[in-house]
Amino acid sequence: MKTTKFLFKTMLCLALVSSFTSCSDDDDPAPVNEEELITNLTLTFTNTTNPGDVVLMSSVAPDGLEDGLSTETIIGSFTPGASYALTIGLLNESESPAEDVLNGDIIPEADEHFFVYAVNGLNLTMTRDASDIDGPDGSKLGVNTTWIAGASSFGNLQIRLIHEPSTVDDSDEFGSATGGSEDFNITFSGVVIN
């Protein structure tokens, strides 16, 4: 009789323990869409009528541009009155070979990203090209742009990449965004038009 009671209690305890530890679909975590690691940003401005006239701006941060610890370089100056096509390069050089973040992550997820530009002290305007990639809310992402250099000037050019913005506005061409987080916010100081 003691053996029967012991077996019954043991079976009851095992049943209770297994009911507390059973698996269900509710335990599966939601997939995480990790933000991109970007270690290198390159902006190449090429004169649309003179391909030898190039302005190159680069920003390098081995641990990622989002930490704000980057080194910026500017090579060349803009020619007054000239039109420039911008080519953007975004790389993750912590991978081998280096990962093309722009074409591998940003453009395929264009509805989750938006480029915002600003100039300070520069006579430089830009337009988002008709061929630009569609971004959030039907806006233009800001990867295909044309820049016009005005009169001689000296100043700064800022570029920000916003991840999952709440709202975007490309009506002023340079763009603005609210909400979201910055994948990077880089200011190139000492840009010249002469």
N, C-alpha and C. Protein backbone atom coordinates (compact mmCIF):
# COMPACT_ATOMS: atom_id res chain seq x y z
N MET A 1 0.81 -1.17 0.00
CA MET A 1 0.00 0.00 0.00
C MET A 1 0.87 1.26 0.00
N LYS A 2 1.96 1.24 0.82
CA LYS A 2 2.87 2.37 0.85
C LYS A 2 3.50 2.58 -0.52
N THR A 3 3.82 1.52 -1.21
CA THR A 3 4.42 1.61 -2.53
C THR A 3 3.45 2.25 -3.51
N THR A 4 2.18 1.91 -3.44
CA THR A 4 1.17 2.47 -4.33
C THR A 4 1.01 3.96 -4.08
N LYS A 5 0.94 4.35 -2.82
CA LYS A 5 0.82 5.78 -2.48
C LYS A 5 2.06 6.54 -2.96
N PHE A 6 3.24 5.95 -2.75
CA PHE A 6 4.48 6.58 -3.18
C PHE A 6 4.50 6.78 -4.69
N LEU A 7 4.13 5.75 -5.44
CA LEU A 7 4.09 5.84 -6.90
C LEU A 7 3.07 6.88 -7.35
N PHE A 8 1.92 6.93 -6.72
CA PHE A 8 0.87 7.89 -7.07
C PHE A 8 1.37 9.33 -6.85
N LYS A 9 2.01 9.57 -5.68
CA LYS A 9 2.53 10.91 -5.38
C LYS A 9 3.66 11.29 -6.35
N THR A 10 4.49 10.34 -6.68
CA THR A 10 5.58 10.60 -7.62
C THR A 10 5.03 10.97 -8.99
N MET A 11 4.04 10.23 -9.46
CA MET A 11 3.43 10.51 -10.78
C MET A 11 2.74 11.88 -10.76
N LEU A 12 2.08 12.21 -9.67
CA LEU A 12 1.40 13.50 -9.54
C LEU A 12 2.42 14.64 -9.59
N CYS A 13 3.52 14.51 -8.86
CA CYS A 13 4.57 15.53 -8.86
C CYS A 13 5.18 15.70 -10.26
N LEU A 14 5.45 14.61 -10.94
CA LEU A 14 6.00 14.68 -12.31
C LEU A 14 5.03 15.37 -13.26
N ALA A 15 3.76 15.09 -13.13
CA ALA A 15 2.75 15.71 -13.98
C ALA A 15 2.69 17.22 -13.74
N LEU A 16 2.74 17.62 -12.46
CA LEU A 16 2.71 19.05 -12.15
C LEU A 16 3.97 19.76 -12.65
N VAL A 17 5.13 19.17 -12.44
CA VAL A 17 6.39 19.78 -12.88
C VAL A 17 6.40 19.93 -14.40
N SER A 18 5.97 18.91 -15.12
CA SER A 18 6.00 19.00 -16.59
C SER A 18 4.99 20.01 -17.11
N SER A 19 3.91 20.24 -16.39
CA SER A 19 2.93 21.24 -16.86
C SER A 19 3.48 22.65 -16.70
N PHE A 20 4.36 22.87 -15.72
CA PHE A 20 4.96 24.19 -15.53
C PHE A 20 6.07 24.47 -16.53
N THR A 21 6.70 23.46 -17.04
CA THR A 21 7.84 23.67 -17.93
C THR A 21 7.53 23.33 -19.39
N SER A 22 6.28 23.14 -19.72
CA SER A 22 5.96 22.80 -21.11
C SER A 22 6.25 23.97 -22.03
N CYS A 23 6.55 23.68 -23.26
CA CYS A 23 6.86 24.70 -24.24
C CYS A 23 5.60 25.12 -24.97
N SER A 24 5.59 26.37 -25.39
CA SER A 24 4.49 26.84 -26.22
C SER A 24 5.04 27.85 -27.22
N ASP A 25 4.25 28.18 -28.21
CA ASP A 25 4.65 29.16 -29.22
C ASP A 25 4.80 30.55 -28.62
N ASP A 26 4.13 30.80 -27.46
CA ASP A 26 4.21 32.11 -26.83
C ASP A 26 5.60 32.41 -26.30
N ASP A 27 6.43 31.37 -26.13
CA ASP A 27 7.76 31.57 -25.58
C ASP A 27 8.77 32.03 -26.64
N ASP A 28 8.41 31.95 -27.92
CA ASP A 28 9.33 32.33 -28.99
C ASP A 28 9.49 33.85 -29.01
N PRO A 29 10.72 34.35 -28.92
CA PRO A 29 10.91 35.81 -28.95
C PRO A 29 10.63 36.36 -30.35
N ALA A 30 10.21 37.61 -30.38
CA ALA A 30 9.97 38.28 -31.67
C ALA A 30 11.30 38.48 -32.36
N PRO A 31 11.34 38.34 -33.70
CA PRO A 31 12.61 38.55 -34.40
C PRO A 31 13.08 39.99 -34.23
N VAL A 32 14.38 40.16 -34.06
CA VAL A 32 14.96 41.48 -33.85
C VAL A 32 15.58 41.95 -35.16
N ASN A 33 15.23 43.16 -35.59
CA ASN A 33 15.82 43.75 -36.78
C ASN A 33 16.94 44.67 -36.31
N GLU A 34 18.16 44.13 -36.26
CA GLU A 34 19.28 44.87 -35.73
C GLU A 34 19.63 46.04 -36.64
N GLU A 35 20.07 47.15 -36.01
CA GLU A 35 20.54 48.28 -36.80
C GLU A 35 21.88 47.91 -37.41
N GLU A 36 22.18 48.55 -38.50
CA GLU A 36 23.38 48.26 -39.26
C GLU A 36 24.61 48.82 -38.57
N LEU A 37 25.73 48.14 -38.68
CA LEU A 37 27.00 48.69 -38.23
C LEU A 37 27.65 49.32 -39.46
N ILE A 38 27.89 50.62 -39.37
CA ILE A 38 28.50 51.37 -40.47
C ILE A 38 29.81 51.94 -39.96
N THR A 39 30.91 51.52 -40.56
CA THR A 39 32.23 52.00 -40.14
C THR A 39 32.80 53.05 -41.08
N ASN A 40 32.33 53.08 -42.33
CA ASN A 40 32.87 54.00 -43.33
C ASN A 40 31.74 54.64 -44.14
N LEU A 41 31.79 55.96 -44.22
CA LEU A 41 30.88 56.74 -45.07
C LEU A 41 31.73 57.48 -46.08
N THR A 42 31.37 57.37 -47.35
CA THR A 42 32.05 58.11 -48.41
C THR A 42 31.01 58.85 -49.24
N LEU A 43 31.23 60.15 -49.40
CA LEU A 43 30.39 60.98 -50.29
C LEU A 43 31.28 61.42 -51.43
N THR A 44 30.91 61.01 -52.65
CA THR A 44 31.67 61.38 -53.83
C THR A 44 30.80 62.27 -54.71
N PHE A 45 31.17 63.54 -54.80
CA PHE A 45 30.45 64.52 -55.62
C PHE A 45 31.20 64.65 -56.94
N THR A 46 30.56 64.30 -58.06
CA THR A 46 31.20 64.34 -59.37
C THR A 46 30.51 65.38 -60.23
N ASN A 47 31.29 66.33 -60.76
CA ASN A 47 30.77 67.37 -61.64
C ASN A 47 30.11 66.69 -62.84
N THR A 48 28.86 67.07 -63.14
CA THR A 48 28.11 66.39 -64.21
C THR A 48 28.61 66.76 -65.61
N THR A 49 29.39 67.84 -65.76
CA THR A 49 29.92 68.20 -67.08
C THR A 49 31.44 68.02 -67.17
N ASN A 50 32.09 67.82 -66.03
CA ASN A 50 33.54 67.63 -66.00
C ASN A 50 33.85 66.53 -64.98
N PRO A 51 33.85 65.25 -65.41
CA PRO A 51 34.04 64.14 -64.47
C PRO A 51 35.36 64.16 -63.70
N GLY A 52 36.31 64.99 -64.12
CA GLY A 52 37.58 65.11 -63.40
C GLY A 52 37.47 66.01 -62.17
N ASP A 53 36.36 66.77 -62.09
CA ASP A 53 36.11 67.67 -60.96
C ASP A 53 35.33 66.89 -59.91
N VAL A 54 36.03 66.40 -58.88
CA VAL A 54 35.43 65.53 -57.86
C VAL A 54 35.74 66.09 -56.48
N VAL A 55 34.73 66.07 -55.62
CA VAL A 55 34.92 66.39 -54.21
C VAL A 55 34.61 65.12 -53.43
N LEU A 56 35.57 64.69 -52.61
CA LEU A 56 35.44 63.45 -51.85
C LEU A 56 35.42 63.77 -50.36
N MET A 57 34.39 63.28 -49.68
CA MET A 57 34.30 63.42 -48.22
C MET A 57 34.18 62.02 -47.63
N SER A 58 34.97 61.75 -46.60
CA SER A 58 34.89 60.44 -45.96
C SER A 58 34.88 60.58 -44.45
N SER A 59 34.23 59.62 -43.83
CA SER A 59 34.18 59.54 -42.37
C SER A 59 34.44 58.09 -42.00
N VAL A 60 35.39 57.88 -41.08
CA VAL A 60 35.78 56.53 -40.69
C VAL A 60 35.70 56.41 -39.17
N ALA A 61 35.06 55.33 -38.71
CA ALA A 61 34.97 55.01 -37.28
C ALA A 61 34.99 53.49 -37.15
N PRO A 62 36.12 52.91 -36.78
CA PRO A 62 36.24 51.45 -36.72
C PRO A 62 35.17 50.76 -35.86
N ASP A 63 34.66 51.46 -34.83
CA ASP A 63 33.64 50.86 -33.96
C ASP A 63 32.22 51.24 -34.38
N GLY A 64 32.09 51.97 -35.47
CA GLY A 64 30.77 52.36 -35.97
C GLY A 64 30.54 53.85 -35.86
N LEU A 65 29.95 54.42 -36.91
CA LEU A 65 29.72 55.86 -36.96
C LEU A 65 28.71 56.35 -35.93
N GLU A 66 27.84 55.46 -35.45
CA GLU A 66 26.79 55.89 -34.53
C GLU A 66 27.33 56.31 -33.17
N ASP A 67 28.59 55.97 -32.85
CA ASP A 67 29.12 56.36 -31.54
C ASP A 67 29.67 57.77 -31.52
N GLY A 68 29.74 58.43 -32.69
CA GLY A 68 30.19 59.81 -32.75
C GLY A 68 31.69 60.00 -32.72
N LEU A 69 32.46 58.92 -32.69
CA LEU A 69 33.92 59.02 -32.64
C LEU A 69 34.49 58.66 -34.01
N SER A 70 34.44 59.63 -34.92
CA SER A 70 34.88 59.37 -36.29
C SER A 70 35.90 60.41 -36.72
N THR A 71 36.61 60.09 -37.79
CA THR A 71 37.58 60.99 -38.39
C THR A 71 37.09 61.35 -39.78
N GLU A 72 36.95 62.66 -40.04
CA GLU A 72 36.46 63.13 -41.33
C GLU A 72 37.60 63.68 -42.19
N THR A 73 37.48 63.46 -43.50
CA THR A 73 38.45 63.95 -44.47
C THR A 73 37.70 64.55 -45.64
N ILE A 74 38.20 65.69 -46.15
CA ILE A 74 37.63 66.33 -47.35
C ILE A 74 38.76 66.52 -48.35
N ILE A 75 38.54 66.05 -49.58
CA ILE A 75 39.53 66.24 -50.65
C ILE A 75 38.82 66.95 -51.79
N GLY A 76 39.35 68.11 -52.18
CA GLY A 76 38.81 68.88 -53.28
C GLY A 76 37.87 69.98 -52.82
N SER A 77 37.46 70.80 -53.77
CA SER A 77 36.52 71.88 -53.50
C SER A 77 35.54 71.97 -54.67
N PHE A 78 34.37 72.52 -54.38
CA PHE A 78 33.33 72.68 -55.40
C PHE A 78 33.65 73.88 -56.29
N THR A 79 33.25 73.78 -57.54
CA THR A 79 33.43 74.86 -58.51
C THR A 79 32.13 75.68 -58.56
N PRO A 80 32.21 77.01 -58.37
CA PRO A 80 31.00 77.83 -58.42
C PRO A 80 30.23 77.63 -59.73
N GLY A 81 28.92 77.46 -59.62
CA GLY A 81 28.06 77.30 -60.78
C GLY A 81 27.98 75.88 -61.31
N ALA A 82 28.76 74.97 -60.77
CA ALA A 82 28.77 73.59 -61.28
C ALA A 82 27.70 72.74 -60.60
N SER A 83 27.28 71.71 -61.34
CA SER A 83 26.29 70.74 -60.85
C SER A 83 27.03 69.43 -60.56
N TYR A 84 26.71 68.81 -59.42
CA TYR A 84 27.39 67.59 -58.98
C TYR A 84 26.38 66.49 -58.69
N ALA A 85 26.71 65.29 -59.13
CA ALA A 85 25.93 64.10 -58.77
C ALA A 85 26.61 63.47 -57.56
N LEU A 86 25.84 63.11 -56.56
CA LEU A 86 26.40 62.51 -55.34
C LEU A 86 26.28 60.99 -55.40
N THR A 87 27.38 60.32 -55.08
CA THR A 87 27.39 58.87 -54.89
C THR A 87 27.74 58.61 -53.43
N ILE A 88 26.90 57.84 -52.75
CA ILE A 88 27.11 57.52 -51.34
C ILE A 88 27.66 56.11 -51.22
N GLY A 89 28.65 55.94 -50.36
CA GLY A 89 29.17 54.62 -50.02
C GLY A 89 29.05 54.42 -48.52
N LEU A 90 28.47 53.31 -48.10
CA LEU A 90 28.37 52.94 -46.69
C LEU A 90 28.89 51.53 -46.53
N LEU A 91 29.95 51.37 -45.72
CA LEU A 91 30.57 50.06 -45.55
C LEU A 91 30.66 49.69 -44.08
N ASN A 92 30.67 48.39 -43.85
CA ASN A 92 31.01 47.84 -42.55
C ASN A 92 32.32 47.09 -42.75
N GLU A 93 33.43 47.74 -42.42
CA GLU A 93 34.74 47.13 -42.64
C GLU A 93 35.18 46.25 -41.48
N SER A 94 34.29 46.04 -40.49
CA SER A 94 34.61 45.06 -39.45
C SER A 94 34.38 43.64 -39.96
N GLU A 95 33.69 43.52 -41.10
CA GLU A 95 33.47 42.23 -41.77
C GLU A 95 34.57 42.04 -42.81
N SER A 96 34.87 40.81 -43.12
CA SER A 96 35.83 40.52 -44.18
C SER A 96 35.22 39.51 -45.14
N PRO A 97 34.99 39.88 -46.38
CA PRO A 97 35.23 41.19 -46.97
C PRO A 97 34.26 42.22 -46.43
N ALA A 98 34.57 43.51 -46.66
CA ALA A 98 33.73 44.60 -46.17
C ALA A 98 32.31 44.45 -46.71
N GLU A 99 31.34 44.71 -45.84
CA GLU A 99 29.92 44.60 -46.21
C GLU A 99 29.42 45.93 -46.79
N ASP A 100 28.76 45.87 -47.93
CA ASP A 100 28.14 47.04 -48.55
C ASP A 100 26.79 47.27 -47.85
N VAL A 101 26.78 48.15 -46.86
CA VAL A 101 25.59 48.38 -46.05
C VAL A 101 24.50 49.11 -46.85
N LEU A 102 24.90 50.02 -47.73
CA LEU A 102 23.92 50.78 -48.50
C LEU A 102 23.06 49.85 -49.36
N ASN A 103 23.71 49.01 -50.16
CA ASN A 103 22.96 48.14 -51.07
C ASN A 103 22.47 46.86 -50.41
N GLY A 104 23.11 46.46 -49.30
CA GLY A 104 22.73 45.24 -48.63
C GLY A 104 21.65 45.42 -47.57
N ASP A 105 21.58 46.61 -46.96
CA ASP A 105 20.63 46.84 -45.87
C ASP A 105 19.74 48.06 -46.07
N ILE A 106 20.34 49.21 -46.36
CA ILE A 106 19.59 50.48 -46.38
C ILE A 106 18.59 50.51 -47.53
N ILE A 107 19.02 50.26 -48.75
CA ILE A 107 18.10 50.33 -49.90
C ILE A 107 17.02 49.25 -49.83
N PRO A 108 17.35 47.98 -49.49
CA PRO A 108 16.27 46.99 -49.37
C PRO A 108 15.27 47.33 -48.25
N GLU A 109 15.70 48.10 -47.26
CA GLU A 109 14.82 48.52 -46.16
C GLU A 109 14.58 50.02 -46.25
N ALA A 110 14.38 50.54 -47.46
CA ALA A 110 14.24 51.98 -47.68
C ALA A 110 13.06 52.57 -46.92
N ASP A 111 12.01 51.77 -46.70
CA ASP A 111 10.86 52.28 -45.97
C ASP A 111 11.16 52.49 -44.49
N GLU A 112 12.35 52.08 -44.02
CA GLU A 112 12.74 52.23 -42.62
C GLU A 112 13.88 53.23 -42.45
N HIS A 113 14.29 53.92 -43.52
CA HIS A 113 15.44 54.83 -43.46
C HIS A 113 15.13 56.13 -44.18
N PHE A 114 15.89 57.19 -43.82
CA PHE A 114 15.73 58.48 -44.49
C PHE A 114 17.01 59.29 -44.28
N PHE A 115 17.58 59.81 -45.39
CA PHE A 115 18.75 60.67 -45.31
C PHE A 115 18.31 62.12 -45.15
N VAL A 116 18.92 62.82 -44.18
CA VAL A 116 18.66 64.24 -43.95
C VAL A 116 19.99 64.96 -44.14
N TYR A 117 19.96 66.03 -44.93
CA TYR A 117 21.16 66.82 -45.20
C TYR A 117 20.97 68.23 -44.66
N ALA A 118 22.07 68.93 -44.41
CA ALA A 118 22.02 70.34 -44.02
C ALA A 118 23.35 70.98 -44.42
N VAL A 119 23.29 72.26 -44.74
CA VAL A 119 24.51 73.03 -45.00
C VAL A 119 24.48 74.27 -44.11
N ASN A 120 25.67 74.72 -43.73
CA ASN A 120 25.79 75.92 -42.91
C ASN A 120 26.95 76.74 -43.46
N GLY A 121 26.63 77.96 -43.95
CA GLY A 121 27.66 78.83 -44.51
C GLY A 121 28.01 78.55 -45.95
N LEU A 122 27.44 77.51 -46.54
CA LEU A 122 27.75 77.14 -47.93
C LEU A 122 26.63 77.55 -48.86
N ASN A 123 27.01 78.06 -50.02
CA ASN A 123 26.04 78.33 -51.09
C ASN A 123 25.91 77.05 -51.92
N LEU A 124 25.25 76.07 -51.34
CA LEU A 124 25.12 74.75 -51.94
C LEU A 124 23.68 74.30 -51.78
N THR A 125 23.05 73.97 -52.91
CA THR A 125 21.67 73.47 -52.86
C THR A 125 21.65 72.05 -53.40
N MET A 126 20.56 71.35 -53.12
CA MET A 126 20.45 69.98 -53.62
C MET A 126 19.01 69.66 -53.94
N THR A 127 18.84 68.67 -54.81
CA THR A 127 17.51 68.13 -55.11
C THR A 127 17.60 66.60 -55.05
N ARG A 128 16.52 66.01 -54.62
CA ARG A 128 16.41 64.55 -54.64
C ARG A 128 15.92 64.19 -56.04
N ASP A 129 16.71 63.41 -56.75
CA ASP A 129 16.42 63.10 -58.15
C ASP A 129 15.13 62.29 -58.30
N ALA A 130 14.52 62.42 -59.47
CA ALA A 130 13.31 61.63 -59.78
C ALA A 130 13.63 60.14 -59.72
N SER A 131 14.88 59.77 -59.99
CA SER A 131 15.28 58.36 -59.97
C SER A 131 15.65 57.88 -58.56
N ASP A 132 15.50 58.76 -57.57
CA ASP A 132 15.83 58.38 -56.19
C ASP A 132 14.93 57.23 -55.73
N ILE A 133 15.39 56.49 -54.74
CA ILE A 133 14.67 55.35 -54.18
C ILE A 133 13.52 55.86 -53.32
N ASP A 134 12.35 55.22 -53.44
CA ASP A 134 11.23 55.59 -52.58
C ASP A 134 11.52 55.17 -51.16
N GLY A 135 11.32 56.12 -50.23
CA GLY A 135 11.55 55.88 -48.81
C GLY A 135 10.24 55.83 -48.06
N PRO A 136 10.27 56.16 -46.76
CA PRO A 136 9.05 56.11 -45.94
C PRO A 136 7.99 57.09 -46.44
N ASP A 137 6.75 56.69 -46.35
CA ASP A 137 5.60 57.55 -46.68
C ASP A 137 5.66 58.14 -48.08
N GLY A 138 6.29 57.44 -49.04
CA GLY A 138 6.35 57.92 -50.41
C GLY A 138 7.38 59.00 -50.65
N SER A 139 8.18 59.33 -49.64
CA SER A 139 9.23 60.33 -49.80
C SER A 139 10.40 59.72 -50.58
N LYS A 140 11.33 60.57 -50.95
CA LYS A 140 12.55 60.11 -51.62
C LYS A 140 13.62 59.87 -50.56
N LEU A 141 14.27 58.71 -50.61
CA LEU A 141 15.24 58.28 -49.60
C LEU A 141 16.41 59.26 -49.45
N GLY A 142 16.92 59.77 -50.58
CA GLY A 142 18.04 60.71 -50.52
C GLY A 142 19.37 60.11 -50.93
N VAL A 143 19.36 59.01 -51.69
CA VAL A 143 20.63 58.44 -52.17
C VAL A 143 20.99 58.91 -53.57
N ASN A 144 20.01 59.32 -54.36
CA ASN A 144 20.27 59.86 -55.70
C ASN A 144 19.93 61.34 -55.67
N THR A 145 20.97 62.17 -55.57
CA THR A 145 20.76 63.61 -55.42
C THR A 145 21.69 64.38 -56.36
N THR A 146 21.27 65.61 -56.68
CA THR A 146 22.08 66.52 -57.48
C THR A 146 22.31 67.78 -56.66
N TRP A 147 23.55 68.26 -56.66
CA TRP A 147 23.95 69.41 -55.87
C TRP A 147 24.45 70.52 -56.79
N ILE A 148 24.06 71.75 -56.50
CA ILE A 148 24.48 72.91 -57.29
C ILE A 148 25.30 73.82 -56.39
N ALA A 149 26.55 74.10 -56.83
CA ALA A 149 27.43 75.00 -56.08
C ALA A 149 27.17 76.43 -56.54
N GLY A 150 26.92 77.32 -55.57
CA GLY A 150 26.69 78.74 -55.87
C GLY A 150 27.99 79.52 -55.79
N ALA A 151 27.88 80.74 -55.29
CA ALA A 151 29.04 81.62 -55.17
C ALA A 151 30.05 81.06 -54.16
N SER A 152 31.28 81.54 -54.28
CA SER A 152 32.35 81.10 -53.38
C SER A 152 31.91 81.23 -51.93
N SER A 153 32.18 80.19 -51.17
CA SER A 153 31.81 80.18 -49.75
C SER A 153 32.57 79.07 -49.03
N PHE A 154 32.44 79.08 -47.71
CA PHE A 154 33.15 78.15 -46.83
C PHE A 154 32.21 77.78 -45.70
N GLY A 155 32.08 76.49 -45.40
CA GLY A 155 31.17 76.11 -44.33
C GLY A 155 31.14 74.61 -44.09
N ASN A 156 29.98 74.14 -43.61
CA ASN A 156 29.82 72.75 -43.19
C ASN A 156 28.71 72.06 -43.98
N LEU A 157 28.86 70.76 -44.15
CA LEU A 157 27.83 69.91 -44.74
C LEU A 157 27.56 68.77 -43.76
N GLN A 158 26.30 68.59 -43.43
CA GLN A 158 25.90 67.55 -42.49
C GLN A 158 25.05 66.51 -43.21
N ILE A 159 25.26 65.25 -42.87
CA ILE A 159 24.42 64.16 -43.37
C ILE A 159 24.05 63.28 -42.18
N ARG A 160 22.77 62.96 -42.10
CA ARG A 160 22.26 62.07 -41.05
C ARG A 160 21.47 60.95 -41.71
N LEU A 161 21.57 59.76 -41.16
CA LEU A 161 20.75 58.63 -41.60
C LEU A 161 19.84 58.27 -40.44
N ILE A 162 18.53 58.43 -40.66
CA ILE A 162 17.55 58.17 -39.62
C ILE A 162 16.96 56.78 -39.84
N HIS A 163 16.95 55.98 -38.77
CA HIS A 163 16.41 54.62 -38.80
C HIS A 163 15.02 54.64 -38.18
N GLU A 164 14.04 54.14 -38.91
CA GLU A 164 12.64 54.07 -38.49
C GLU A 164 12.10 55.41 -37.99
N PRO A 165 12.15 56.45 -38.85
CA PRO A 165 11.60 57.74 -38.43
C PRO A 165 10.09 57.67 -38.28
N SER A 166 9.54 58.50 -37.38
CA SER A 166 8.09 58.58 -37.21
C SER A 166 7.46 59.32 -38.39
N THR A 167 8.08 60.45 -38.76
CA THR A 167 7.61 61.23 -39.91
C THR A 167 8.82 61.73 -40.68
N VAL A 168 8.64 61.91 -41.99
CA VAL A 168 9.69 62.47 -42.84
C VAL A 168 9.07 63.52 -43.75
N ASP A 169 9.91 64.45 -44.20
CA ASP A 169 9.46 65.49 -45.12
C ASP A 169 10.61 65.81 -46.07
N ASP A 170 10.40 65.56 -47.36
CA ASP A 170 11.43 65.88 -48.34
C ASP A 170 11.04 67.09 -49.20
N SER A 171 10.05 67.87 -48.76
CA SER A 171 9.58 68.99 -49.56
C SER A 171 10.61 70.12 -49.66
N ASP A 172 11.52 70.24 -48.69
CA ASP A 172 12.57 71.26 -48.80
C ASP A 172 13.86 70.68 -49.35
N GLU A 173 13.79 69.49 -49.92
CA GLU A 173 14.89 68.77 -50.55
C GLU A 173 15.94 68.26 -49.57
N PHE A 174 16.45 69.11 -48.66
CA PHE A 174 17.43 68.63 -47.70
C PHE A 174 16.81 67.58 -46.77
N GLY A 175 15.51 67.70 -46.53
CA GLY A 175 14.78 66.73 -45.75
C GLY A 175 14.77 67.02 -44.26
N SER A 176 13.75 66.49 -43.60
CA SER A 176 13.66 66.55 -42.14
C SER A 176 12.93 65.30 -41.68
N ALA A 177 13.17 64.94 -40.44
CA ALA A 177 12.56 63.73 -39.88
C ALA A 177 12.35 63.93 -38.39
N THR A 178 11.30 63.27 -37.88
CA THR A 178 11.08 63.24 -36.44
C THR A 178 11.07 61.77 -36.00
N GLY A 179 11.42 61.57 -34.74
CA GLY A 179 11.42 60.21 -34.20
C GLY A 179 12.53 59.36 -34.79
N GLY A 180 12.48 58.10 -34.48
CA GLY A 180 13.49 57.17 -34.96
C GLY A 180 14.80 57.34 -34.23
N SER A 181 15.82 56.67 -34.72
CA SER A 181 17.16 56.79 -34.15
C SER A 181 18.14 57.06 -35.27
N GLU A 182 19.27 57.65 -34.92
CA GLU A 182 20.28 57.98 -35.92
C GLU A 182 21.25 56.82 -36.10
N ASP A 183 21.34 56.33 -37.34
CA ASP A 183 22.40 55.37 -37.66
C ASP A 183 23.74 56.11 -37.67
N PHE A 184 23.73 57.38 -38.10
CA PHE A 184 24.89 58.25 -37.96
C PHE A 184 24.45 59.69 -38.16
N ASN A 185 25.31 60.60 -37.66
CA ASN A 185 25.11 62.05 -37.80
C ASN A 185 26.51 62.63 -37.94
N ILE A 186 26.89 62.95 -39.18
CA ILE A 186 28.25 63.38 -39.48
C ILE A 186 28.23 64.79 -40.06
N THR A 187 29.12 65.63 -39.56
CA THR A 187 29.29 66.99 -40.10
C THR A 187 30.70 67.10 -40.66
N PHE A 188 30.77 67.50 -41.94
CA PHE A 188 32.06 67.76 -42.58
C PHE A 188 32.30 69.26 -42.48
N SER A 189 33.32 69.65 -41.72
CA SER A 189 33.66 71.06 -41.53
C SER A 189 34.76 71.46 -42.49
N GLY A 190 34.69 72.70 -42.98
CA GLY A 190 35.72 73.21 -43.87
C GLY A 190 35.49 72.89 -45.33
N VAL A 191 34.22 72.73 -45.73
CA VAL A 191 33.89 72.51 -47.14
C VAL A 191 34.03 73.84 -47.87
N VAL A 192 34.60 73.80 -49.09
CA VAL A 192 34.91 75.02 -49.82
C VAL A 192 34.25 75.02 -51.20
N ILE A 193 33.70 76.17 -51.57
CA ILE A 193 33.30 76.44 -52.95
C ILE A 193 34.18 77.60 -53.40
N ASN A 194 35.04 77.38 -54.45
CA ASN A 194 35.88 78.47 -54.92
C ASN A 194 36.27 78.30 -56.37
